[in-house]
Structure formats: structure tokens, C-alpha cells
Protein backbone atom coordinates (compact mmCIF):
# COMPACT_ATOMS: atom_id res chain seq x y z
CA MET A 1 201.26 132.20 129.17
CA ALA A 2 202.19 129.00 127.62
CA ASP A 3 204.57 128.19 130.31
CA ALA A 4 202.15 129.23 132.98
CA ASP A 5 199.54 126.97 131.37
CA ALA A 6 202.02 124.25 131.36
CA GLN A 7 202.77 124.54 135.20
CA GLU A 8 199.06 124.51 135.84
CA ARG A 9 198.98 121.12 133.91
CA ILE A 10 201.90 119.60 135.88
CA ALA A 11 200.21 120.55 139.20
CA ALA A 12 197.16 118.65 137.92
CA GLY A 13 199.06 115.58 137.05
CA THR A 14 200.03 115.86 133.44
CA GLY A 15 199.57 112.61 131.63
CA LYS A 16 196.75 111.33 133.51
CA MET A 17 194.33 114.31 133.25
CA PRO A 18 190.67 113.24 132.94
CA ARG A 19 189.19 114.71 129.93
CA HIS A 20 185.43 115.22 131.53
CA VAL A 21 185.10 116.11 135.06
CA ALA A 22 181.36 116.71 136.51
CA ILE A 23 180.59 118.33 139.75
CA ILE A 24 177.36 118.38 142.06
CA MET A 25 177.49 121.60 143.58
CA ASP A 26 176.17 121.18 146.94
CA GLY A 27 176.14 123.51 150.09
CA ASN A 28 175.07 126.96 149.07
CA GLY A 29 172.22 126.92 151.66
CA ARG A 30 174.53 125.69 154.54
CA TRP A 31 177.25 128.08 153.71
CA ALA A 32 174.52 130.69 153.95
CA LYS A 33 172.99 129.33 157.24
CA LYS A 34 176.49 128.99 159.02
CA ARG A 35 176.90 132.82 158.46
CA MET A 36 173.18 133.76 159.10
CA LEU A 37 172.48 134.77 155.47
CA PRO A 38 169.44 134.18 153.41
CA ARG A 39 169.77 131.28 151.15
CA ALA A 40 170.06 133.86 148.19
CA MET A 41 173.36 134.99 149.45
CA GLY A 42 174.45 131.32 149.38
CA HIS A 43 173.44 130.89 145.80
CA LYS A 44 174.81 134.08 144.85
CA ARG A 45 178.27 133.18 146.04
CA GLY A 46 177.92 130.01 144.50
CA VAL A 47 177.60 131.61 141.04
CA GLU A 48 180.73 133.27 141.96
CA THR A 49 182.40 129.94 142.54
CA VAL A 50 181.09 128.64 139.09
CA ARG A 51 182.84 131.40 137.40
CA ASN A 52 186.08 130.85 139.25
CA ILE A 53 185.86 126.95 138.46
CA VAL A 54 185.08 127.56 134.79
CA ARG A 55 188.17 129.91 134.31
CA ALA A 56 190.18 126.95 136.49
CA ALA A 57 189.11 124.20 134.29
CA GLY A 58 190.39 125.86 131.06
CA GLU A 59 193.67 126.83 133.12
CA LEU A 60 194.15 123.28 134.30
CA GLY A 61 193.42 121.85 130.84
CA LEU A 62 190.33 120.10 131.17
CA GLU A 63 188.28 119.20 128.01
CA THR A 64 184.80 119.10 129.66
CA LEU A 65 183.52 120.49 132.58
CA SER A 66 179.89 119.46 133.62
CA LEU A 67 177.98 121.26 136.40
CA TYR A 68 174.59 120.19 138.05
CA ALA A 69 172.98 123.43 138.31
CA PHE A 70 169.26 122.86 138.54
CA SER A 71 167.61 119.45 139.01
CA SER A 72 164.23 118.59 137.65
CA GLU A 73 163.50 117.88 141.60
CA ASN A 74 164.48 121.26 142.60
CA TRP A 75 161.17 122.60 141.28
CA LYS A 76 159.82 121.25 144.65
CA ARG A 77 161.87 124.09 146.46
CA PRO A 78 160.05 127.23 147.66
CA GLU A 79 158.68 129.58 144.89
CA ASP A 80 161.04 132.64 146.09
CA GLU A 81 164.15 130.57 146.09
CA ILE A 82 163.31 129.16 142.70
CA SER A 83 162.76 132.82 141.51
CA ASP A 84 166.12 133.66 143.25
CA LEU A 85 168.06 130.93 141.22
CA MET A 86 166.25 131.81 137.90
CA GLY A 87 167.17 135.62 138.24
CA LEU A 88 171.01 134.30 139.01
CA MET A 89 170.84 132.30 135.80
CA ARG A 90 169.84 135.34 133.72
CA GLU A 91 172.28 137.50 135.27
CA PHE A 92 175.21 134.80 134.98
CA ILE A 93 174.28 134.30 131.11
CA LYS A 94 174.30 138.08 130.51
CA SER A 95 177.61 138.94 132.55
CA ASP A 96 179.48 135.92 131.54
CA LEU A 97 178.83 134.98 127.77
CA ASP A 98 181.52 137.60 126.29
CA GLU A 99 184.05 135.77 128.55
CA PHE A 100 182.94 132.42 127.69
CA ALA A 101 183.25 133.56 123.92
CA SER A 102 186.54 134.92 124.24
CA ASN A 103 188.11 132.21 126.21
CA ASP A 104 187.15 129.79 123.74
CA VAL A 105 184.53 127.91 126.03
CA ARG A 106 181.89 126.10 124.38
CA LEU A 107 178.08 126.15 126.23
CA LYS A 108 176.20 122.81 126.19
CA ILE A 109 173.01 122.23 128.21
CA ILE A 110 171.76 118.68 129.26
CA GLY A 111 168.54 118.50 130.45
CA ASN A 112 164.98 119.61 129.51
CA TYR A 113 165.98 123.62 129.52
CA LYS A 114 163.22 124.29 127.23
CA ALA A 115 160.80 124.03 130.01
CA LEU A 116 162.41 127.33 131.76
CA ALA A 117 160.88 130.73 131.11
CA PRO A 118 161.01 131.70 127.50
CA ASP A 119 163.34 134.38 128.02
CA ILE A 120 166.26 132.13 129.76
CA VAL A 121 165.41 129.50 126.88
CA ALA A 122 166.17 132.25 124.40
CA MET A 123 169.33 133.65 126.31
CA LEU A 124 170.63 130.05 126.19
CA ASP A 125 169.85 129.30 122.66
CA GLU A 126 171.92 132.31 121.77
CA SER A 127 174.75 131.53 124.05
CA ILE A 128 174.79 127.93 122.55
CA ALA A 129 174.92 129.35 118.96
CA ARG A 130 177.46 131.87 119.86
CA THR A 131 179.92 129.52 121.31
CA SER A 132 179.35 126.70 119.10
CA GLN A 133 182.64 126.55 117.27
CA ASN A 134 184.69 127.22 120.58
CA SER A 135 187.14 124.19 121.39
CA ARG A 136 189.22 124.92 124.43
CA THR A 137 186.70 123.76 127.09
CA THR A 138 183.31 122.61 126.82
CA LEU A 139 180.95 123.63 129.92
CA ALA A 140 178.08 121.31 130.03
CA VAL A 141 175.28 122.57 132.33
CA ALA A 142 172.65 120.35 133.74
CA LEU A 143 169.31 122.40 133.66
CA ASN A 144 165.96 120.94 134.68
CA TYR A 145 167.87 117.58 134.47
CA GLY A 146 167.29 114.08 136.00
CA SER A 147 169.19 111.15 134.80
CA GLN A 148 166.37 108.80 135.22
CA ASP A 149 164.28 110.93 132.85
CA GLU A 150 167.17 111.13 130.31
CA LEU A 151 167.61 107.26 130.51
CA VAL A 152 163.89 106.87 129.75
CA ARG A 153 164.06 109.26 126.96
CA ALA A 154 167.24 107.83 125.67
CA ALA A 155 165.75 104.33 125.61
CA ARG A 156 162.57 105.54 123.70
CA ALA A 157 164.73 107.25 121.23
CA ALA A 158 166.60 103.87 120.84
CA ALA A 159 163.67 101.90 120.36
CA ALA A 160 162.19 104.06 117.84
CA GLN A 161 165.37 103.89 115.72
CA GLY A 162 165.71 100.15 116.08
CA GLU A 163 167.71 97.86 118.34
CA ILE A 164 168.20 98.88 122.07
CA SER A 165 171.69 98.46 123.00
CA ALA A 166 174.15 100.02 125.45
CA SER A 167 175.45 101.89 122.26
CA SER A 168 172.00 102.95 120.94
CA ILE A 169 171.14 104.24 124.47
CA GLU A 170 174.45 106.10 124.98
CA ALA A 171 173.96 107.80 121.65
CA ASN A 172 170.74 109.45 122.47
CA LEU A 173 171.78 110.55 126.04
CA ASP A 174 171.86 114.64 126.72
CA THR A 175 175.61 113.90 126.81
CA ALA A 176 176.14 112.28 123.61
CA GLY A 177 179.11 113.70 122.00
CA LEU A 178 181.10 114.50 125.11
CA PRO A 179 183.98 112.54 126.23
CA PRO A 180 183.17 109.70 128.62
CA LEU A 181 182.82 110.74 132.43
CA ASP A 182 186.51 110.35 134.14
CA LEU A 183 185.85 112.08 137.56
CA LEU A 184 182.63 113.05 139.29
CA ILE A 185 183.10 115.33 142.34
CA ARG A 186 180.48 116.04 145.10
CA THR A 187 181.04 119.11 147.62
CA SER A 188 179.54 119.51 151.13
CA GLY A 189 180.14 116.18 152.46
CA GLU A 190 177.35 114.32 150.93
CA GLN A 191 178.12 111.17 149.07
CA ARG A 192 175.23 110.22 146.79
CA LEU A 193 174.57 110.74 143.08
CA SER A 194 171.26 112.58 143.53
CA ASN A 195 169.89 111.47 140.04
CA PHE A 196 172.92 112.93 138.27
CA MET A 197 174.69 111.00 135.30
CA LEU A 198 173.75 107.68 136.50
CA TRP A 199 174.73 106.03 132.98
CA GLN A 200 177.57 108.30 132.94
CA ALA A 201 179.23 107.52 136.15
CA ALA A 202 179.11 103.65 135.66
CA TYR A 203 183.22 103.74 135.59
CA ALA A 204 183.79 107.17 136.78
CA GLU A 205 186.17 107.70 139.80
CA PHE A 206 184.34 109.55 142.77
CA TRP A 207 185.75 112.33 144.89
CA PHE A 208 184.10 113.77 147.79
CA THR A 209 184.70 116.67 149.87
CA GLU A 210 183.43 118.28 153.24
CA THR A 211 184.07 121.79 151.52
CA LEU A 212 180.86 123.63 150.79
CA TRP A 213 180.29 124.57 147.19
CA PRO A 214 180.78 128.57 147.64
CA ASP A 215 184.18 127.91 149.27
CA PHE A 216 185.47 125.38 146.71
CA ASN A 217 188.16 126.84 144.62
CA LYS A 218 190.86 125.96 142.06
CA GLU A 219 193.28 124.39 144.27
CA GLU A 220 190.69 122.01 145.62
CA LEU A 221 190.00 121.14 142.01
CA ALA A 222 193.83 120.57 141.20
CA ALA A 223 194.00 118.40 144.35
CA ALA A 224 190.97 116.32 142.82
CA LEU A 225 192.72 116.13 139.58
CA ASN A 226 195.88 114.98 141.51
CA GLU A 227 194.18 112.18 143.29
CA PHE A 228 192.49 110.97 140.04
CA ALA A 229 196.18 110.58 138.63
CA ARG A 230 197.13 108.33 141.47
CA ARG A 231 194.26 106.10 140.90
CA GLU A 232 194.62 102.96 138.92
CA ARG A 233 191.42 102.34 136.88
CA ARG A 234 190.68 98.77 136.01
CA TYR A 235 187.21 98.99 134.28
CA GLY A 236 186.16 95.76 135.99
CA GLY A 237 189.18 94.12 135.06
CA ARG A 238 192.13 93.06 137.61
């Protein structure tokens, strides 16, 4: 098993691996539309992709994987679609928590998830507590998340603590304690941040793919990591 893990890391660019990769998972609706299926089927297939990519992240040696699952703007969607998404969230937590625990995955939630339905909040709190000591991979899921709101909350917290500075704001972000964001991936061909990790993406590398999220796979994630390994990061220098 160790040799297999080493081969995975070599394929992804050993020595220049990003510590923290974030993904804007986009294209579930278009995937379903192309197949003349209900949008709910696209979201269901998207959840399967989440499972596969979380497994792949551990196999490829990623320290942290952040996924943009439900934005604060997503509440504007039709009620039946929101209901389907919440139902899939419940199903995902129930079916995958044991696997997270056994595979040393730590769950972290960013965003105001406490505004979700009480039963979902309770399930998430249990999952966070149960996996809190795991250390192989951290899965940070953005739920009811908006980066502008996060920045306002962080600035207010920093002001209440004293001096407002870059370090004090960063210490109060939802992602405090996670490694700096190295690579941000967006699927479906769109090339925008959509209010996701605006602060964290300041010096991140971007990688865009035309692939719709339900079709995204381990091989394409490895390709993104290989591309990251080829880039020279200057952080504003020459």
C-alpha cells in the first residue's frame, strides 16, 4: 500500500505538491441538462464525484481539500432544488462519516452552517467532533459561505480584539488554522471566483477546466497538480 501511495504522489508531482487545494464545483445542472435529466440528478451525480475526489485527495497526498458546496447566494435558487440539495447533504453525512473516520479525514466546515436546518447542524457538529483528531487529510466544506461576509466578520472580530491588520484579519477567517491556499480549481469552463475565498486566493494558482463537475475525476485532479508543479510562484517578486 505504501508503494502504491508513493506512485500516486510521483504522478502528481512529488516535491512540489500543493498543501491546500480548493475546488469550485460547477456544472451539475448543465450535466443533467445535456442528458435531459432533472437538475436533482446532476446534484446526485455531483455528490458521487465529491466522494471520489475526497478519496483521491488522500491518495495523492493532499493535506487540505476545500470544496465550495453551498454558497450564501444559493438560497436564491428554487425551493425544490434547495430541498434536494439539503436532502443530499443529509444522505452524504450519514453514508460517508464512517469512511471519513476510518480513512483519517478531518471534517471542517467554513461559512455560517449554523443557519441550516437543526438536524443538519447536529449531524455536522457530530461529524466535526468525531473526526477532530484525524490528521491525514482535512476536508473543508463551504456551507452557507460567502467570502465577502467572511471578510466583514473577520474585520469586525479583529477590530474588537484591537489592531486591524492583515494578520489579525487572517486569524479570524473561517479558514484560520488551515494551510495557505495554493491551488484553486473551477470546473465547467467558468472563470470567476463567485465570492469564494477572495482573501485566501490572493497568491493562489488558478486552474480552469471545461469538465463539468459530475465528470471530474482523480486523473484530472492529478493533471491539475502536475500543472501546479510546473509553475513558478513569485509572490509578487521577479
